[in-house]
Amino acid sequence: MSEKSLFAVLLRSPWWISFVLVAVIAVVAGALLPEQYKGVGMLGGFPFFVIGCMALWRQRNLPSPALVEKGLQNLGGMSWRDFSVVLDSAFTRQGYTVTQLTGAADMLLEKKGVRTVVSAKRWKAAAMGLEPLRELVARRDALEASNSVCISLGQVSTKAEEYAAENRITLITGADLVILVDEEVKAL
């Protein structure tokens, strides 16, 4: 599905928007269509109902924007040492073996023979550009890892997002970061 299609946009939007569209389609069909076509016209909203259910299912455990903001502020107030302990604990909880690294990558994760390098030292940077991602790819290749992850509290430039998509780099920012470390931050 195209990222710009109506259904893709609705999947990324709050779930209730799809249900509002269903209601609007039903009301418009009921008001404008001849009596024999009203039922069929109202069923025209069914795909939006399905998309709304899918969006609701995906968003059911997501934190509210206020909780995300609070979580990001808490993470922004941490030192690198504290933040790295939180990340280590979060990845360990997910079943990874974590090895601390130096240089462009900060951690090597291993799970079921799959190796992933993680870069998080520049997590407080206001903006993430291409250079840290290029260094991460070089380190990933040097360690013969399959995947790479870059963690940041700041904004990621469009070019950096494109580069990440092209080079198997998972970007963890914003709500995804708060969800990743939620259990560890609650324990503090």
N, C-alpha and C. Protein backbone atom coordinates (compact mmCIF):
# COMPACT_ATOMS: atom_id res chain seq x y z
N MET A 1 0.86 -1.18 0.00
CA MET A 1 0.00 0.00 0.00
C MET A 1 0.90 1.24 0.00
N SER A 2 0.54 2.18 -0.83
CA SER A 2 1.31 3.43 -0.90
C SER A 2 1.20 4.20 0.41
N GLU A 3 2.31 4.80 0.83
CA GLU A 3 2.32 5.58 2.07
C GLU A 3 1.40 6.79 2.01
N LYS A 4 1.07 7.24 0.79
CA LYS A 4 0.25 8.43 0.63
C LYS A 4 -1.21 8.10 0.33
N SER A 5 -1.56 6.81 0.27
CA SER A 5 -2.95 6.45 -0.01
C SER A 5 -3.83 6.83 1.18
N LEU A 6 -5.11 7.00 0.91
CA LEU A 6 -6.05 7.39 1.96
C LEU A 6 -6.05 6.39 3.11
N PHE A 7 -6.03 5.10 2.78
CA PHE A 7 -6.06 4.08 3.83
C PHE A 7 -4.78 4.08 4.66
N ALA A 8 -3.63 4.30 4.03
CA ALA A 8 -2.36 4.37 4.78
C ALA A 8 -2.36 5.59 5.71
N VAL A 9 -2.88 6.69 5.22
CA VAL A 9 -2.95 7.90 6.06
C VAL A 9 -3.89 7.65 7.24
N LEU A 10 -5.03 7.02 6.99
CA LEU A 10 -5.98 6.73 8.07
C LEU A 10 -5.40 5.74 9.09
N LEU A 11 -4.60 4.79 8.64
CA LEU A 11 -3.97 3.86 9.58
C LEU A 11 -3.01 4.56 10.53
N ARG A 12 -2.39 5.63 10.06
CA ARG A 12 -1.46 6.40 10.90
C ARG A 12 -2.17 7.45 11.74
N SER A 13 -3.40 7.76 11.39
CA SER A 13 -4.17 8.79 12.09
C SER A 13 -4.86 8.20 13.31
N PRO A 14 -5.35 9.05 14.22
CA PRO A 14 -6.12 8.54 15.35
C PRO A 14 -7.30 7.70 14.85
N TRP A 15 -7.57 6.61 15.53
CA TRP A 15 -8.57 5.64 15.09
C TRP A 15 -9.96 6.24 14.90
N TRP A 16 -10.32 7.20 15.73
CA TRP A 16 -11.67 7.73 15.69
C TRP A 16 -11.99 8.49 14.41
N ILE A 17 -10.97 8.94 13.69
CA ILE A 17 -11.19 9.66 12.44
C ILE A 17 -11.87 8.76 11.41
N SER A 18 -11.45 7.50 11.36
CA SER A 18 -12.08 6.55 10.42
C SER A 18 -13.55 6.34 10.77
N PHE A 19 -13.85 6.26 12.05
CA PHE A 19 -15.24 6.05 12.47
C PHE A 19 -16.10 7.28 12.17
N VAL A 20 -15.52 8.46 12.26
CA VAL A 20 -16.24 9.68 11.88
C VAL A 20 -16.56 9.64 10.39
N LEU A 21 -15.60 9.18 9.58
CA LEU A 21 -15.85 9.06 8.14
C LEU A 21 -16.98 8.08 7.85
N VAL A 22 -17.04 6.98 8.59
CA VAL A 22 -18.13 6.02 8.42
C VAL A 22 -19.47 6.70 8.69
N ALA A 23 -19.53 7.46 9.78
CA ALA A 23 -20.77 8.15 10.13
C ALA A 23 -21.15 9.18 9.07
N VAL A 24 -20.17 9.93 8.57
CA VAL A 24 -20.44 10.94 7.55
C VAL A 24 -20.96 10.28 6.28
N ILE A 25 -20.33 9.19 5.86
CA ILE A 25 -20.77 8.49 4.65
C ILE A 25 -22.19 7.96 4.83
N ALA A 26 -22.49 7.41 6.00
CA ALA A 26 -23.83 6.89 6.27
C ALA A 26 -24.87 8.00 6.24
N VAL A 27 -24.57 9.14 6.86
CA VAL A 27 -25.52 10.25 6.89
C VAL A 27 -25.74 10.82 5.50
N VAL A 28 -24.66 11.02 4.75
CA VAL A 28 -24.77 11.58 3.40
C VAL A 28 -25.52 10.61 2.49
N ALA A 29 -25.19 9.33 2.56
CA ALA A 29 -25.90 8.34 1.74
C ALA A 29 -27.37 8.28 2.11
N GLY A 30 -27.66 8.31 3.41
CA GLY A 30 -29.05 8.27 3.86
C GLY A 30 -29.83 9.50 3.43
N ALA A 31 -29.18 10.62 3.35
CA ALA A 31 -29.87 11.87 3.01
C ALA A 31 -30.00 12.10 1.51
N LEU A 32 -29.02 11.66 0.73
CA LEU A 32 -28.99 12.02 -0.68
C LEU A 32 -29.40 10.92 -1.66
N LEU A 33 -29.28 9.68 -1.27
CA LEU A 33 -29.57 8.59 -2.21
C LEU A 33 -31.06 8.23 -2.20
N PRO A 34 -31.54 7.73 -3.33
CA PRO A 34 -32.93 7.25 -3.36
C PRO A 34 -33.11 6.09 -2.37
N GLU A 35 -34.34 5.88 -1.96
CA GLU A 35 -34.65 4.90 -0.91
C GLU A 35 -34.05 3.51 -1.20
N GLN A 36 -34.14 3.03 -2.43
CA GLN A 36 -33.67 1.68 -2.74
C GLN A 36 -32.15 1.56 -2.70
N TYR A 37 -31.40 2.67 -2.71
CA TYR A 37 -29.94 2.62 -2.72
C TYR A 37 -29.30 3.06 -1.40
N LYS A 38 -30.11 3.50 -0.46
CA LYS A 38 -29.56 4.01 0.80
C LYS A 38 -28.73 2.97 1.54
N GLY A 39 -29.22 1.75 1.63
CA GLY A 39 -28.49 0.69 2.34
C GLY A 39 -27.14 0.42 1.72
N VAL A 40 -27.13 0.32 0.39
CA VAL A 40 -25.88 0.06 -0.32
C VAL A 40 -24.93 1.25 -0.16
N GLY A 41 -25.46 2.45 -0.25
CA GLY A 41 -24.64 3.65 -0.08
C GLY A 41 -24.02 3.72 1.30
N MET A 42 -24.81 3.35 2.31
CA MET A 42 -24.29 3.37 3.67
C MET A 42 -23.19 2.33 3.87
N LEU A 43 -23.27 1.23 3.14
CA LEU A 43 -22.21 0.21 3.22
C LEU A 43 -20.90 0.69 2.59
N GLY A 44 -20.97 1.78 1.85
CA GLY A 44 -19.75 2.35 1.27
C GLY A 44 -18.75 2.78 2.33
N GLY A 45 -19.22 2.98 3.55
CA GLY A 45 -18.33 3.34 4.65
C GLY A 45 -17.67 2.15 5.31
N PHE A 46 -18.04 0.94 4.93
CA PHE A 46 -17.50 -0.26 5.59
C PHE A 46 -15.97 -0.36 5.52
N PRO A 47 -15.32 -0.07 4.38
CA PRO A 47 -13.85 -0.12 4.37
C PRO A 47 -13.23 0.83 5.41
N PHE A 48 -13.85 1.96 5.63
CA PHE A 48 -13.34 2.89 6.64
C PHE A 48 -13.55 2.35 8.04
N PHE A 49 -14.63 1.60 8.22
CA PHE A 49 -14.86 0.93 9.51
C PHE A 49 -13.76 -0.08 9.78
N VAL A 50 -13.40 -0.86 8.76
CA VAL A 50 -12.32 -1.86 8.90
C VAL A 50 -11.00 -1.16 9.22
N ILE A 51 -10.69 -0.10 8.50
CA ILE A 51 -9.45 0.65 8.75
C ILE A 51 -9.46 1.23 10.16
N GLY A 52 -10.61 1.74 10.61
CA GLY A 52 -10.73 2.26 11.96
C GLY A 52 -10.47 1.19 13.00
N CYS A 53 -11.00 -0.01 12.77
CA CYS A 53 -10.74 -1.13 13.70
C CYS A 53 -9.26 -1.50 13.72
N MET A 54 -8.63 -1.50 12.54
CA MET A 54 -7.20 -1.82 12.48
C MET A 54 -6.38 -0.75 13.21
N ALA A 55 -6.72 0.51 13.00
CA ALA A 55 -6.00 1.60 13.67
C ALA A 55 -6.21 1.53 15.17
N LEU A 56 -7.43 1.23 15.60
CA LEU A 56 -7.71 1.09 17.03
C LEU A 56 -6.88 -0.03 17.63
N TRP A 57 -6.78 -1.15 16.94
CA TRP A 57 -6.00 -2.28 17.42
C TRP A 57 -4.51 -1.91 17.55
N ARG A 58 -3.98 -1.23 16.55
CA ARG A 58 -2.57 -0.82 16.58
C ARG A 58 -2.30 0.21 17.67
N GLN A 59 -3.26 1.08 17.94
CA GLN A 59 -3.05 2.19 18.86
C GLN A 59 -3.50 1.89 20.28
N ARG A 60 -3.99 0.69 20.54
CA ARG A 60 -4.60 0.37 21.84
C ARG A 60 -3.64 0.51 23.01
N ASN A 61 -2.36 0.22 22.83
CA ASN A 61 -1.40 0.29 23.92
C ASN A 61 -0.44 1.46 23.84
N LEU A 62 -0.69 2.36 22.89
CA LEU A 62 0.20 3.50 22.75
C LEU A 62 -0.05 4.52 23.86
N PRO A 63 1.01 5.11 24.37
CA PRO A 63 0.82 6.15 25.39
C PRO A 63 0.23 7.41 24.77
N SER A 64 -0.43 8.19 25.60
CA SER A 64 -1.02 9.45 25.13
C SER A 64 0.11 10.43 24.79
N PRO A 65 -0.20 11.44 23.98
CA PRO A 65 0.83 12.45 23.67
C PRO A 65 1.42 13.10 24.92
N ALA A 66 0.60 13.30 25.94
CA ALA A 66 1.10 13.91 27.18
C ALA A 66 2.10 12.98 27.87
N LEU A 67 1.81 11.69 27.89
CA LEU A 67 2.75 10.73 28.49
C LEU A 67 4.04 10.62 27.69
N VAL A 68 3.91 10.69 26.36
CA VAL A 68 5.10 10.65 25.51
C VAL A 68 5.98 11.86 25.82
N GLU A 69 5.36 13.04 25.89
CA GLU A 69 6.12 14.27 26.17
C GLU A 69 6.80 14.18 27.53
N LYS A 70 6.08 13.71 28.54
CA LYS A 70 6.66 13.56 29.88
C LYS A 70 7.81 12.56 29.86
N GLY A 71 7.61 11.44 29.16
CA GLY A 71 8.66 10.43 29.06
C GLY A 71 9.90 10.97 28.37
N LEU A 72 9.71 11.73 27.29
CA LEU A 72 10.85 12.31 26.58
C LEU A 72 11.59 13.33 27.45
N GLN A 73 10.84 14.09 28.24
CA GLN A 73 11.48 15.04 29.16
C GLN A 73 12.30 14.29 30.21
N ASN A 74 11.75 13.21 30.75
CA ASN A 74 12.48 12.41 31.74
C ASN A 74 13.76 11.84 31.13
N LEU A 75 13.67 11.33 29.90
CA LEU A 75 14.85 10.77 29.25
C LEU A 75 15.87 11.87 28.94
N GLY A 76 15.39 13.04 28.55
CA GLY A 76 16.28 14.16 28.25
C GLY A 76 17.03 14.66 29.47
N GLY A 77 16.47 14.43 30.65
CA GLY A 77 17.12 14.84 31.89
C GLY A 77 18.15 13.86 32.41
N MET A 78 18.27 12.71 31.77
CA MET A 78 19.21 11.68 32.23
C MET A 78 20.62 11.94 31.69
N SER A 79 21.60 11.46 32.43
CA SER A 79 22.97 11.47 31.92
C SER A 79 23.13 10.29 30.97
N TRP A 80 24.22 10.30 30.18
CA TRP A 80 24.47 9.19 29.27
C TRP A 80 24.59 7.88 30.05
N ARG A 81 25.26 7.90 31.17
CA ARG A 81 25.44 6.69 31.97
C ARG A 81 24.08 6.10 32.38
N ASP A 82 23.18 6.95 32.90
CA ASP A 82 21.85 6.49 33.31
C ASP A 82 21.04 6.00 32.11
N PHE A 83 21.10 6.75 31.01
CA PHE A 83 20.36 6.38 29.82
C PHE A 83 20.84 5.05 29.26
N SER A 84 22.15 4.83 29.24
CA SER A 84 22.67 3.57 28.72
C SER A 84 22.25 2.38 29.58
N VAL A 85 22.16 2.59 30.90
CA VAL A 85 21.69 1.53 31.80
C VAL A 85 20.22 1.21 31.49
N VAL A 86 19.42 2.24 31.27
CA VAL A 86 18.00 2.04 30.94
C VAL A 86 17.87 1.27 29.62
N LEU A 87 18.65 1.65 28.60
CA LEU A 87 18.61 0.95 27.32
C LEU A 87 19.05 -0.51 27.47
N ASP A 88 20.15 -0.71 28.19
CA ASP A 88 20.66 -2.06 28.42
C ASP A 88 19.56 -2.92 29.05
N SER A 89 18.92 -2.39 30.06
CA SER A 89 17.86 -3.12 30.75
C SER A 89 16.67 -3.40 29.82
N ALA A 90 16.30 -2.42 29.01
CA ALA A 90 15.17 -2.60 28.08
C ALA A 90 15.46 -3.69 27.06
N PHE A 91 16.66 -3.69 26.50
CA PHE A 91 17.00 -4.71 25.51
C PHE A 91 17.15 -6.08 26.16
N THR A 92 17.69 -6.14 27.36
CA THR A 92 17.81 -7.40 28.08
C THR A 92 16.43 -7.98 28.36
N ARG A 93 15.50 -7.12 28.76
CA ARG A 93 14.12 -7.56 29.01
C ARG A 93 13.50 -8.17 27.76
N GLN A 94 13.90 -7.71 26.59
CA GLN A 94 13.37 -8.25 25.34
C GLN A 94 14.10 -9.51 24.88
N GLY A 95 15.05 -9.97 25.69
CA GLY A 95 15.73 -11.23 25.38
C GLY A 95 17.05 -11.10 24.65
N TYR A 96 17.57 -9.90 24.53
CA TYR A 96 18.86 -9.70 23.85
C TYR A 96 20.00 -9.86 24.84
N THR A 97 21.12 -10.33 24.33
CA THR A 97 22.38 -10.28 25.07
C THR A 97 23.04 -8.97 24.66
N VAL A 98 23.39 -8.14 25.63
CA VAL A 98 23.90 -6.79 25.34
C VAL A 98 25.37 -6.72 25.67
N THR A 99 26.17 -6.25 24.70
CA THR A 99 27.60 -6.02 24.89
C THR A 99 27.86 -4.54 24.64
N GLN A 100 28.51 -3.89 25.57
CA GLN A 100 28.83 -2.46 25.42
C GLN A 100 29.97 -2.29 24.43
N LEU A 101 29.88 -1.29 23.58
CA LEU A 101 30.90 -1.00 22.58
C LEU A 101 31.36 0.44 22.73
N THR A 102 32.41 0.79 22.04
CA THR A 102 32.87 2.18 21.97
C THR A 102 32.92 2.59 20.51
N GLY A 103 32.91 3.86 20.26
CA GLY A 103 32.97 4.36 18.90
C GLY A 103 31.59 4.69 18.36
N ALA A 104 31.39 4.43 17.07
CA ALA A 104 30.14 4.80 16.39
C ALA A 104 28.93 4.02 16.90
N ALA A 105 29.17 2.83 17.42
CA ALA A 105 28.08 2.02 17.98
C ALA A 105 28.31 1.89 19.48
N ASP A 106 27.23 1.92 20.23
CA ASP A 106 27.33 1.88 21.69
C ASP A 106 27.03 0.51 22.28
N MET A 107 26.24 -0.28 21.56
CA MET A 107 25.87 -1.61 22.05
C MET A 107 25.80 -2.58 20.89
N LEU A 108 26.10 -3.82 21.21
CA LEU A 108 25.89 -4.92 20.27
C LEU A 108 24.86 -5.82 20.90
N LEU A 109 23.74 -6.00 20.22
CA LEU A 109 22.67 -6.87 20.69
C LEU A 109 22.75 -8.18 19.93
N GLU A 110 22.50 -9.26 20.65
CA GLU A 110 22.50 -10.56 20.00
C GLU A 110 21.33 -11.37 20.52
N LYS A 111 20.59 -11.94 19.57
CA LYS A 111 19.42 -12.75 19.93
C LYS A 111 19.23 -13.78 18.82
N LYS A 112 19.26 -15.03 19.18
CA LYS A 112 19.07 -16.14 18.24
C LYS A 112 20.03 -16.04 17.05
N GLY A 113 21.25 -15.65 17.32
CA GLY A 113 22.27 -15.58 16.28
C GLY A 113 22.23 -14.33 15.42
N VAL A 114 21.27 -13.47 15.63
CA VAL A 114 21.17 -12.23 14.85
C VAL A 114 21.81 -11.11 15.65
N ARG A 115 22.74 -10.41 15.01
CA ARG A 115 23.46 -9.33 15.68
C ARG A 115 22.95 -7.97 15.20
N THR A 116 22.78 -7.07 16.16
CA THR A 116 22.30 -5.72 15.87
C THR A 116 23.18 -4.73 16.61
N VAL A 117 23.64 -3.70 15.90
CA VAL A 117 24.41 -2.65 16.56
C VAL A 117 23.48 -1.48 16.86
N VAL A 118 23.71 -0.84 18.01
CA VAL A 118 22.88 0.27 18.45
C VAL A 118 23.75 1.49 18.68
N SER A 119 23.32 2.61 18.13
CA SER A 119 23.99 3.89 18.36
C SER A 119 23.01 4.79 19.11
N ALA A 120 23.46 5.27 20.28
CA ALA A 120 22.56 6.11 21.08
C ALA A 120 23.28 7.27 21.75
N LYS A 121 24.59 7.39 21.57
CA LYS A 121 25.33 8.43 22.28
C LYS A 121 24.89 9.84 21.92
N ARG A 122 24.40 10.02 20.71
CA ARG A 122 23.96 11.35 20.29
C ARG A 122 22.45 11.51 20.50
N TRP A 123 21.92 10.81 21.45
CA TRP A 123 20.48 10.77 21.70
C TRP A 123 19.91 12.11 22.12
N LYS A 124 20.74 13.00 22.69
CA LYS A 124 20.24 14.31 23.11
C LYS A 124 20.42 15.38 22.04
N ALA A 125 21.03 15.05 20.93
CA ALA A 125 21.25 16.04 19.88
C ALA A 125 19.91 16.58 19.38
N ALA A 126 19.85 17.87 19.12
CA ALA A 126 18.60 18.51 18.68
C ALA A 126 18.15 17.97 17.33
N ALA A 127 19.13 17.64 16.48
CA ALA A 127 18.80 17.12 15.15
C ALA A 127 19.80 16.02 14.78
N MET A 128 19.31 15.02 14.09
CA MET A 128 20.14 13.90 13.66
C MET A 128 20.36 14.03 12.16
N GLY A 129 21.63 14.11 11.79
CA GLY A 129 21.98 14.22 10.37
C GLY A 129 22.50 12.90 9.82
N LEU A 130 23.18 12.98 8.69
CA LEU A 130 23.66 11.79 8.01
C LEU A 130 24.93 11.19 8.62
N GLU A 131 25.82 12.01 9.12
CA GLU A 131 27.14 11.52 9.55
C GLU A 131 27.07 10.40 10.59
N PRO A 132 26.29 10.54 11.67
CA PRO A 132 26.22 9.44 12.64
C PRO A 132 25.68 8.15 12.03
N LEU A 133 24.79 8.28 11.05
CA LEU A 133 24.23 7.09 10.41
C LEU A 133 25.26 6.42 9.51
N ARG A 134 26.06 7.22 8.84
CA ARG A 134 27.12 6.64 8.00
C ARG A 134 28.14 5.90 8.87
N GLU A 135 28.48 6.50 10.01
CA GLU A 135 29.41 5.85 10.93
C GLU A 135 28.81 4.55 11.48
N LEU A 136 27.52 4.56 11.75
CA LEU A 136 26.85 3.36 12.25
C LEU A 136 26.86 2.24 11.22
N VAL A 137 26.62 2.56 9.96
CA VAL A 137 26.65 1.56 8.89
C VAL A 137 28.05 0.96 8.77
N ALA A 138 29.07 1.80 8.84
CA ALA A 138 30.45 1.30 8.77
C ALA A 138 30.75 0.36 9.94
N ARG A 139 30.31 0.72 11.12
CA ARG A 139 30.53 -0.12 12.31
C ARG A 139 29.75 -1.42 12.22
N ARG A 140 28.52 -1.33 11.72
CA ARG A 140 27.70 -2.53 11.54
C ARG A 140 28.39 -3.51 10.59
N ASP A 141 28.89 -2.97 9.48
CA ASP A 141 29.57 -3.82 8.51
C ASP A 141 30.86 -4.41 9.08
N ALA A 142 31.60 -3.61 9.86
CA ALA A 142 32.84 -4.09 10.46
C ALA A 142 32.57 -5.22 11.47
N LEU A 143 31.45 -5.15 12.17
CA LEU A 143 31.10 -6.17 13.16
C LEU A 143 30.30 -7.32 12.55
N GLU A 144 30.05 -7.22 11.24
CA GLU A 144 29.27 -8.24 10.52
C GLU A 144 27.91 -8.46 11.18
N ALA A 145 27.28 -7.37 11.57
CA ALA A 145 25.95 -7.44 12.17
C ALA A 145 24.90 -7.35 11.06
N SER A 146 23.74 -7.89 11.33
CA SER A 146 22.65 -7.90 10.35
C SER A 146 21.87 -6.59 10.33
N ASN A 147 21.69 -6.00 11.51
CA ASN A 147 20.82 -4.84 11.65
C ASN A 147 21.53 -3.72 12.40
N SER A 148 20.92 -2.54 12.31
CA SER A 148 21.43 -1.42 13.09
C SER A 148 20.26 -0.56 13.55
N VAL A 149 20.46 0.04 14.72
CA VAL A 149 19.43 0.87 15.34
C VAL A 149 20.08 2.17 15.77
N CYS A 150 19.40 3.27 15.50
CA CYS A 150 19.86 4.58 15.95
C CYS A 150 18.77 5.19 16.81
N ILE A 151 19.15 5.61 18.01
CA ILE A 151 18.20 6.15 18.98
C ILE A 151 18.47 7.64 19.16
N SER A 152 17.39 8.43 19.12
CA SER A 152 17.54 9.88 19.25
C SER A 152 16.28 10.50 19.86
N LEU A 153 16.49 11.50 20.71
CA LEU A 153 15.38 12.30 21.22
C LEU A 153 15.02 13.43 20.27
N GLY A 154 15.98 13.85 19.47
CA GLY A 154 15.80 15.00 18.59
C GLY A 154 15.14 14.64 17.27
N GLN A 155 15.01 15.64 16.44
CA GLN A 155 14.42 15.46 15.11
C GLN A 155 15.42 14.77 14.19
N VAL A 156 14.91 13.98 13.27
CA VAL A 156 15.74 13.31 12.28
C VAL A 156 15.46 13.99 10.95
N SER A 157 16.51 14.43 10.29
CA SER A 157 16.33 15.12 9.02
C SER A 157 15.75 14.17 7.97
N THR A 158 15.12 14.75 6.97
CA THR A 158 14.51 13.95 5.91
C THR A 158 15.57 13.12 5.19
N LYS A 159 16.72 13.72 4.92
CA LYS A 159 17.80 12.97 4.26
C LYS A 159 18.28 11.82 5.14
N ALA A 160 18.34 12.05 6.45
CA ALA A 160 18.76 10.98 7.35
C ALA A 160 17.72 9.86 7.37
N GLU A 161 16.44 10.20 7.34
CA GLU A 161 15.39 9.18 7.28
C GLU A 161 15.50 8.35 6.01
N GLU A 162 15.75 9.02 4.89
CA GLU A 162 15.90 8.32 3.61
C GLU A 162 17.12 7.41 3.64
N TYR A 163 18.22 7.93 4.18
CA TYR A 163 19.44 7.14 4.28
C TYR A 163 19.22 5.92 5.18
N ALA A 164 18.52 6.11 6.27
CA ALA A 164 18.23 5.00 7.18
C ALA A 164 17.41 3.93 6.48
N ALA A 165 16.40 4.34 5.74
CA ALA A 165 15.55 3.39 5.03
C ALA A 165 16.33 2.59 3.99
N GLU A 166 17.26 3.26 3.34
CA GLU A 166 18.06 2.60 2.30
C GLU A 166 19.14 1.69 2.88
N ASN A 167 19.53 1.87 4.14
CA ASN A 167 20.68 1.16 4.70
C ASN A 167 20.35 0.29 5.92
N ARG A 168 19.11 -0.17 6.01
CA ARG A 168 18.70 -1.09 7.09
C ARG A 168 18.98 -0.53 8.48
N ILE A 169 18.67 0.72 8.69
CA ILE A 169 18.82 1.34 10.00
C ILE A 169 17.43 1.62 10.55
N THR A 170 17.15 1.09 11.72
CA THR A 170 15.89 1.37 12.39
C THR A 170 16.08 2.61 13.26
N LEU A 171 15.26 3.62 13.04
CA LEU A 171 15.32 4.84 13.84
C LEU A 171 14.30 4.71 14.97
N ILE A 172 14.76 4.90 16.21
CA ILE A 172 13.86 4.87 17.36
C ILE A 172 13.87 6.27 17.96
N THR A 173 12.74 6.94 17.82
CA THR A 173 12.59 8.30 18.32
C THR A 173 11.20 8.45 18.96
N GLY A 174 10.99 9.53 19.65
CA GLY A 174 9.67 9.90 20.15
C GLY A 174 8.95 8.81 20.92
N ALA A 175 7.72 8.55 20.50
CA ALA A 175 6.86 7.58 21.19
C ALA A 175 7.47 6.19 21.19
N ASP A 176 8.15 5.82 20.10
CA ASP A 176 8.78 4.48 20.05
C ASP A 176 9.84 4.33 21.14
N LEU A 177 10.60 5.38 21.39
CA LEU A 177 11.62 5.35 22.43
C LEU A 177 10.97 5.25 23.81
N VAL A 178 9.92 6.02 24.03
CA VAL A 178 9.23 5.97 25.32
C VAL A 178 8.66 4.58 25.56
N ILE A 179 8.08 3.97 24.54
CA ILE A 179 7.53 2.62 24.67
C ILE A 179 8.65 1.61 24.96
N LEU A 180 9.78 1.75 24.28
CA LEU A 180 10.91 0.83 24.48
C LEU A 180 11.38 0.81 25.92
N VAL A 181 11.50 1.97 26.54
CA VAL A 181 12.09 2.06 27.89
C VAL A 181 11.06 2.27 28.99
N ASP A 182 9.78 2.15 28.66
CA ASP A 182 8.72 2.45 29.62
C ASP A 182 8.86 1.69 30.93
N GLU A 183 9.06 0.39 30.87
CA GLU A 183 9.15 -0.42 32.09
C GLU A 183 10.34 0.00 32.95
N GLU A 184 11.46 0.29 32.31
CA GLU A 184 12.67 0.67 33.05
C GLU A 184 12.51 2.04 33.72
N VAL A 185 11.88 2.97 33.00
CA VAL A 185 11.70 4.32 33.55
C VAL A 185 10.72 4.26 34.74
N LYS A 186 9.70 3.41 34.64
CA LYS A 186 8.75 3.27 35.75
C LYS A 186 9.43 2.70 36.99
N ALA A 187 10.44 1.85 36.77
CA ALA A 187 11.15 1.22 37.89
C ALA A 187 12.07 2.20 38.63
N LEU A 188 12.43 3.30 37.97
CA LEU A 188 13.35 4.27 38.59
C LEU A 188 12.70 5.02 39.73
